[in-house]
Amino acid sequence: MGSLYGYDGAMDDVTDPLAVEAQVCLTVSAAARGLVGLYRDLLEPLGLTHPQYLAMLALWQHGPLPLKDLAGILHLEPATTSPLVRRLEAMGLVTRDRGTQDERVLLVAPTEAGRAMRAQAVPIPGAMVAGLGLTPEQIEQIRTAAQLLVDATSGARSGASSGTSGPAPDLGS
């Protein structure tokens, strides 16, 4: 399959560890951009961005959540999640309230309109599977590999911040 830019993505005997084709970050970034682009078309009728959709998925699954927990589920910092939640609140989809037991806790909960939106979102995962043209098994393999990468990068970051070091992982292959 050709590319818009003329490069077909082939890994013709890449031995240079600095070859762009050898970088896992390139492939993961391109895949993420492509997925978000597909979601954009499906989310437009709901008026949601992809990060807002993920936040609503978490709230539909778990119900009201402290902002810190919502940020953790989304793999974001609370400071990044807060503006996202404020926009959802402005849309009338969530409320933000201080905890009754601890005022430092900001509880995020879907409103009635936010809960009602769930029915409109039900077809989105199936539409994504159909749009990708992959089998459910292939998608689960990709999700599992992506989770492995998330776990590995989280471990590498926490190891770097704690001052521990080990052999550098070979992420080029």
C-alpha atoms as a PDB file:
ATOM      1  CA  MET A   1       0.000   0.000   0.000  1.00  0.00           C
ATOM      2  CA  GLY A   2       1.477   3.328  -1.038  1.00  0.00           C
ATOM      3  CA  SER A   3       1.707   6.441   1.047  1.00  0.00           C
ATOM      4  CA  LEU A   4       0.536   9.948   0.378  1.00  0.00           C
ATOM      5  CA  TYR A   5       4.206  10.942   0.477  1.00  0.00           C
ATOM      6  CA  GLY A   6       5.503   8.116  -1.719  1.00  0.00           C
ATOM      7  CA  TYR A   7       7.036   5.999   1.062  1.00  0.00           C
ATOM      8  CA  ASP A   8       5.508   2.553   1.503  1.00  0.00           C
ATOM      9  CA  GLY A   9       6.759   1.841   5.039  1.00  0.00           C
ATOM     10  CA  ALA A  10       8.924  -1.127   4.021  1.00  0.00           C
ATOM     11  CA  MET A  11      11.701  -2.048   6.430  1.00  0.00           C
ATOM     12  CA  ASP A  12      14.270  -3.015   3.769  1.00  0.00           C
ATOM     13  CA  ASP A  13      17.095  -4.551   5.813  1.00  0.00           C
ATOM     14  CA  VAL A  14      17.284  -1.743   8.334  1.00  0.00           C
ATOM     15  CA  THR A  15      20.521  -2.190  10.251  1.00  0.00           C
ATOM     16  CA  ASP A  16      21.159   1.413  11.257  1.00  0.00           C
ATOM     17  CA  PRO A  17      19.704   1.860  14.752  1.00  0.00           C
ATOM     18  CA  LEU A  18      19.049   5.515  13.893  1.00  0.00           C
ATOM     19  CA  ALA A  19      17.116   4.752  10.710  1.00  0.00           C
ATOM     20  CA  VAL A  20      13.713   6.388  11.004  1.00  0.00           C
ATOM     21  CA  GLU A  21      12.049   3.139   9.913  1.00  0.00           C
ATOM     22  CA  ALA A  22      13.615   1.363  12.890  1.00  0.00           C
ATOM     23  CA  GLN A  23      12.016   3.655  15.467  1.00  0.00           C
ATOM     24  CA  VAL A  24       9.045   2.193  17.329  1.00  0.00           C
ATOM     25  CA  CYS A  25       7.969   5.734  18.239  1.00  0.00           C
ATOM     26  CA  LEU A  26       7.349   6.519  14.555  1.00  0.00           C
ATOM     27  CA  THR A  27       5.039   3.554  14.086  1.00  0.00           C
ATOM     28  CA  VAL A  28       3.173   4.115  17.347  1.00  0.00           C
ATOM     29  CA  SER A  29       2.755   7.842  16.659  1.00  0.00           C
ATOM     30  CA  ALA A  30       1.477   7.213  13.141  1.00  0.00           C
ATOM     31  CA  ALA A  31      -0.958   4.572  14.399  1.00  0.00           C
ATOM     32  CA  ALA A  32      -2.212   6.874  17.165  1.00  0.00           C
ATOM     33  CA  ARG A  33      -2.773   9.752  14.729  1.00  0.00           C
ATOM     34  CA  GLY A  34      -4.610   7.424  12.358  1.00  0.00           C
ATOM     35  CA  LEU A  35      -6.854   6.041  15.100  1.00  0.00           C
ATOM     36  CA  VAL A  36      -7.704   9.478  16.460  1.00  0.00           C
ATOM     37  CA  GLY A  37      -8.540  10.588  12.920  1.00  0.00           C
ATOM     38  CA  LEU A  38     -10.983   7.703  12.515  1.00  0.00           C
ATOM     39  CA  TYR A  39     -12.530   8.488  15.903  1.00  0.00           C
ATOM     40  CA  ARG A  40     -12.847  12.172  14.955  1.00  0.00           C
ATOM     41  CA  ASP A  41     -15.324  11.321  12.208  1.00  0.00           C
ATOM     42  CA  LEU A  42     -17.369   9.092  14.535  1.00  0.00           C
ATOM     43  CA  LEU A  43     -17.325  11.547  17.448  1.00  0.00           C
ATOM     44  CA  GLU A  44     -18.242  14.643  15.457  1.00  0.00           C
ATOM     45  CA  PRO A  45     -22.008  13.989  15.731  1.00  0.00           C
ATOM     46  CA  LEU A  46     -21.611  13.791  19.522  1.00  0.00           C
ATOM     47  CA  GLY A  47     -19.604  17.003  19.626  1.00  0.00           C
ATOM     48  CA  LEU A  48     -16.779  15.266  21.506  1.00  0.00           C
ATOM     49  CA  THR A  49     -13.048  15.203  20.975  1.00  0.00           C
ATOM     50  CA  HIS A  50     -11.216  11.906  21.427  1.00  0.00           C
ATOM     51  CA  PRO A  51      -9.925  12.793  24.942  1.00  0.00           C
ATOM     52  CA  GLN A  52     -13.441  13.910  25.953  1.00  0.00           C
ATOM     53  CA  TYR A  53     -14.831  10.619  24.633  1.00  0.00           C
ATOM     54  CA  LEU A  54     -12.315   8.658  26.712  1.00  0.00           C
ATOM     55  CA  ALA A  55     -13.282  10.648  29.811  1.00  0.00           C
ATOM     56  CA  MET A  56     -16.963   9.949  29.195  1.00  0.00           C
ATOM     57  CA  LEU A  57     -16.210   6.235  28.673  1.00  0.00           C
ATOM     58  CA  ALA A  58     -14.510   6.145  32.082  1.00  0.00           C
ATOM     59  CA  LEU A  59     -17.415   7.946  33.746  1.00  0.00           C
ATOM     60  CA  TRP A  60     -19.998   5.693  32.077  1.00  0.00           C
ATOM     61  CA  GLN A  61     -18.068   2.642  33.259  1.00  0.00           C
ATOM     62  CA  HIS A  62     -17.191   3.755  36.793  1.00  0.00           C
ATOM     63  CA  GLY A  63     -19.706   6.469  37.630  1.00  0.00           C
ATOM     64  CA  PRO A  64     -18.565   9.531  39.598  1.00  0.00           C
ATOM     65  CA  LEU A  65     -14.793   9.663  40.037  1.00  0.00           C
ATOM     66  CA  PRO A  66     -12.318  11.909  41.791  1.00  0.00           C
ATOM     67  CA  LEU A  67     -10.449  13.978  39.197  1.00  0.00           C
ATOM     68  CA  LYS A  68      -7.183  12.313  40.225  1.00  0.00           C
ATOM     69  CA  ASP A  69      -8.641   8.833  39.568  1.00  0.00           C
ATOM     70  CA  LEU A  70     -10.101   9.909  36.221  1.00  0.00           C
ATOM     71  CA  ALA A  71      -6.676  11.270  35.249  1.00  0.00           C
ATOM     72  CA  GLY A  72      -5.080   7.947  36.225  1.00  0.00           C
ATOM     73  CA  ILE A  73      -7.528   5.937  34.130  1.00  0.00           C
ATOM     74  CA  LEU A  74      -6.824   8.183  31.139  1.00  0.00           C
ATOM     75  CA  HIS A  75      -3.031   8.072  31.690  1.00  0.00           C
ATOM     76  CA  LEU A  76      -2.977  11.854  32.055  1.00  0.00           C
ATOM     77  CA  GLU A  77      -1.832  14.291  34.700  1.00  0.00           C
ATOM     78  CA  PRO A  78      -4.627  15.884  36.773  1.00  0.00           C
ATOM     79  CA  ALA A  79      -3.503  19.303  35.500  1.00  0.00           C
ATOM     80  CA  THR A  80      -4.155  18.087  31.938  1.00  0.00           C
ATOM     81  CA  THR A  81      -7.452  16.431  32.836  1.00  0.00           C
ATOM     82  CA  SER A  82      -8.898  19.459  34.633  1.00  0.00           C
ATOM     83  CA  PRO A  83      -9.369  21.656  31.511  1.00  0.00           C
ATOM     84  CA  LEU A  84     -10.839  18.682  29.658  1.00  0.00           C
ATOM     85  CA  VAL A  85     -13.384  18.168  32.454  1.00  0.00           C
ATOM     86  CA  ARG A  86     -14.175  21.907  32.541  1.00  0.00           C
ATOM     87  CA  ARG A  87     -15.039  21.759  28.835  1.00  0.00           C
ATOM     88  CA  LEU A  88     -17.290  18.725  29.430  1.00  0.00           C
ATOM     89  CA  GLU A  89     -18.945  20.657  32.263  1.00  0.00           C
ATOM     90  CA  ALA A  90     -19.517  23.666  29.973  1.00  0.00           C
ATOM     91  CA  MET A  91     -21.194  21.265  27.515  1.00  0.00           C
ATOM     92  CA  GLY A  92     -23.535  20.110  30.293  1.00  0.00           C
ATOM     93  CA  LEU A  93     -22.189  16.544  30.277  1.00  0.00           C
ATOM     94  CA  VAL A  94     -20.523  16.409  33.710  1.00  0.00           C
ATOM     95  CA  THR A  95     -20.559  18.159  37.057  1.00  0.00           C
ATOM     96  CA  ARG A  96     -17.558  18.961  39.222  1.00  0.00           C
ATOM     97  CA  ASP A  97     -18.192  19.046  42.955  1.00  0.00           C
ATOM     98  CA  ARG A  98     -15.949  19.161  45.998  1.00  0.00           C
ATOM     99  CA  GLY A  99     -15.987  16.007  48.090  1.00  0.00           C
ATOM    100  CA  THR A 100     -18.148  16.107  51.201  1.00  0.00           C
ATOM    101  CA  GLN A 101     -15.581  14.193  53.257  1.00  0.00           C
ATOM    102  CA  ASP A 102     -12.512  15.936  51.849  1.00  0.00           C
ATOM    103  CA  GLU A 103     -12.786  19.334  50.146  1.00  0.00           C
ATOM    104  CA  ARG A 104      -9.495  18.751  48.339  1.00  0.00           C
ATOM    105  CA  VAL A 105     -11.163  16.016  46.269  1.00  0.00           C
ATOM    106  CA  LEU A 106     -12.883  17.184  43.089  1.00  0.00           C
ATOM    107  CA  LEU A 107     -15.562  14.658  42.148  1.00  0.00           C
ATOM    108  CA  VAL A 108     -16.513  14.411  38.455  1.00  0.00           C
ATOM    109  CA  ALA A 109     -19.915  12.895  37.642  1.00  0.00           C
ATOM    110  CA  PRO A 110     -21.913  12.559  34.433  1.00  0.00           C
ATOM    111  CA  THR A 111     -25.090  14.634  34.279  1.00  0.00           C
ATOM    112  CA  GLU A 112     -28.365  13.237  32.976  1.00  0.00           C
ATOM    113  CA  ALA A 113     -27.394  14.552  29.510  1.00  0.00           C
ATOM    114  CA  GLY A 114     -23.986  12.916  29.876  1.00  0.00           C
ATOM    115  CA  ARG A 115     -25.532   9.585  30.839  1.00  0.00           C
ATOM    116  CA  ALA A 116     -28.023   9.851  27.943  1.00  0.00           C
ATOM    117  CA  MET A 117     -25.148  10.375  25.484  1.00  0.00           C
ATOM    118  CA  ARG A 118     -23.965   6.843  26.240  1.00  0.00           C
ATOM    119  CA  ALA A 119     -26.706   5.392  24.025  1.00  0.00           C
ATOM    120  CA  GLN A 120     -25.419   7.459  21.094  1.00  0.00           C
ATOM    121  CA  ALA A 121     -21.886   6.187  21.691  1.00  0.00           C
ATOM    122  CA  VAL A 122     -22.736   2.466  21.739  1.00  0.00           C
ATOM    123  CA  PRO A 123     -22.146   1.980  17.967  1.00  0.00           C
ATOM    124  CA  ILE A 124     -18.712   3.649  17.992  1.00  0.00           C
ATOM    125  CA  PRO A 125     -16.526   0.650  18.991  1.00  0.00           C
ATOM    126  CA  GLY A 126     -18.164  -1.554  16.335  1.00  0.00           C
ATOM    127  CA  ALA A 127     -17.799   1.176  13.728  1.00  0.00           C
ATOM    128  CA  MET A 128     -14.096   1.449  14.594  1.00  0.00           C
ATOM    129  CA  VAL A 129     -13.599  -2.309  14.177  1.00  0.00           C
ATOM    130  CA  ALA A 130     -15.397  -2.201  10.824  1.00  0.00           C
ATOM    131  CA  GLY A 131     -13.473   0.900   9.732  1.00  0.00           C
ATOM    132  CA  LEU A 132     -10.123  -0.654  10.536  1.00  0.00           C
ATOM    133  CA  GLY A 133     -10.896  -3.868   8.661  1.00  0.00           C
ATOM    134  CA  LEU A 134      -9.202  -5.940  11.364  1.00  0.00           C
ATOM    135  CA  THR A 135     -10.596  -8.947  13.171  1.00  0.00           C
ATOM    136  CA  PRO A 136     -11.510  -8.670  16.848  1.00  0.00           C
ATOM    137  CA  GLU A 137      -8.585 -11.019  17.551  1.00  0.00           C
ATOM    138  CA  GLN A 138      -6.151  -8.730  15.729  1.00  0.00           C
ATOM    139  CA  ILE A 139      -7.474  -5.725  17.612  1.00  0.00           C
ATOM    140  CA  GLU A 140      -7.023  -7.542  20.922  1.00  0.00           C
ATOM    141  CA  GLN A 141      -3.433  -8.430  19.933  1.00  0.00           C
ATOM    142  CA  ILE A 142      -2.744  -4.767  19.149  1.00  0.00           C
ATOM    143  CA  ARG A 143      -4.368  -3.617  22.394  1.00  0.00           C
ATOM    144  CA  THR A 144      -2.310  -6.152  24.355  1.00  0.00           C
ATOM    145  CA  ALA A 145       0.933  -5.081  22.637  1.00  0.00           C
ATOM    146  CA  ALA A 146       0.069  -1.411  23.204  1.00  0.00           C
ATOM    147  CA  GLN A 147      -0.592  -2.097  26.905  1.00  0.00           C
ATOM    148  CA  LEU A 148       2.788  -3.835  27.095  1.00  0.00           C
ATOM    149  CA  LEU A 149       4.355  -0.677  25.657  1.00  0.00           C
ATOM    150  CA  VAL A 150       2.434   1.546  28.112  1.00  0.00           C
ATOM    151  CA  ASP A 151       3.614  -0.624  31.006  1.00  0.00           C
ATOM    152  CA  ALA A 152       7.209  -0.664  29.743  1.00  0.00           C
ATOM    153  CA  THR A 153       7.354   3.100  29.288  1.00  0.00           C
ATOM    154  CA  SER A 154       5.771   3.689  32.690  1.00  0.00           C
ATOM    155  CA  GLY A 155       8.357   1.416  34.264  1.00  0.00           C
ATOM    156  CA  ALA A 156      11.189   3.073  32.370  1.00  0.00           C
ATOM    157  CA  ARG A 157      10.019   6.543  33.463  1.00  0.00           C
ATOM    158  CA  SER A 158       9.638   5.547  37.096  1.00  0.00           C
ATOM    159  CA  GLY A 159      13.060   3.872  37.005  1.00  0.00           C
ATOM    160  CA  ALA A 160      14.611   7.000  35.514  1.00  0.00           C
ATOM    161  CA  SER A 161      12.966   9.242  38.089  1.00  0.00           C
ATOM    162  CA  SER A 162      14.107   7.038  40.951  1.00  0.00           C
ATOM    163  CA  GLY A 163      17.692   7.134  39.724  1.00  0.00           C
ATOM    164  CA  THR A 164      17.884   3.414  38.905  1.00  0.00           C
ATOM    165  CA  SER A 165      19.307   2.400  35.631  1.00  0.00           C
ATOM    166  CA  GLY A 166      19.673  -0.765  33.726  1.00  0.00           C
ATOM    167  CA  PRO A 167      20.389  -1.841  30.216  1.00  0.00           C
ATOM    168  CA  ALA A 168      18.642   0.294  27.641  1.00  0.00           C
ATOM    169  CA  PRO A 169      15.743  -1.566  26.060  1.00  0.00           C
ATOM    170  CA  ASP A 170      16.028  -2.281  22.342  1.00  0.00           C
ATOM    171  CA  LEU A 171      12.920  -0.480  21.088  1.00  0.00           C
ATOM    172  CA  GLY A 172      14.089  -0.288  17.509  1.00  0.00           C
ATOM    173  CA  SER A 173      13.038  -3.769  16.460  1.00  0.00           C
END
